[in-house]
């Protein structure tokens, strides 16, 4: 028995070390950028390399105060990500419920198709969406940006929510239907409370994906309307060699909203799973 416990402890210690190394590998570049944003720059002329420079928040103030366009881009990204997430989640919930409660030949293939669509590169969406938004007079428009971001993330949301809904027994819905309940009351009072954690986790993931989208807003917007990822490409292109600490401060400020969102709702994200659903 003691030998088994010792073996388990060794395995737990090994997992902890590997997890720590993985976290360090992901956090180290962000930590390096944070130090640069606070005025500390690496001096590669020393052995070992060291960080030099006084600690200061001036670079953050420069981005927040001296760059009013960056605040507008933060607002644009926030509005587009939140509205696109709400739209995609609402549409996906309705579609996923209808798909989960339907029975037809080829349903499992259709479900897998949504996963394939979610895996396609953004370039597959950009050209047709760009032409569609231009014909609908929604190019370089916040409404067009919201619609396109929702369109890009909806296939993933449908696949995930279908996996959550299809596992629910239909007994409560049938009982509510016999009591005279309509479709939307049943969805709101019976189905949604049971899958609320999955819906919330899916919405958070979609919001992060929408926030980080680059190619779609890059093609659909111009200089008058920019999201943070698009603005960061311009920032680094034109200012990286001149003022790296300020660019690093802008990068940290662009990551902060997503970090806060994930930190606040990390318990909800623990419920995020990709349900494969059932067959025909």
Foldseek 3Di string as FASTA:
>chain_A
DVVVVVVVVVVVVVVVVVVVVVVCVVCVVLVQLVCLLQAWDWDVVDVVIDTDGDGHNVLLCCCVPVPVVLVVQAVLLQVLLLLLLVVLLVVLLVVLLVLLPDDDPCSLVVLVVLVVLLPDDCVVVQVVLQVVCVVVVCFQHSVSSSVSLNVNLNSVSNQQSNLQQNPDDCVVVVVCVVVPDDDVVCCVPPRCVSCVLQSVLSSLVSSVVSLQDDPNNVSRHDPVHHHLNPVLVVCCVPPCVPRVSSSSSSVCVSCVVNVVSCVVCVVSNVPHDRRSHDDD
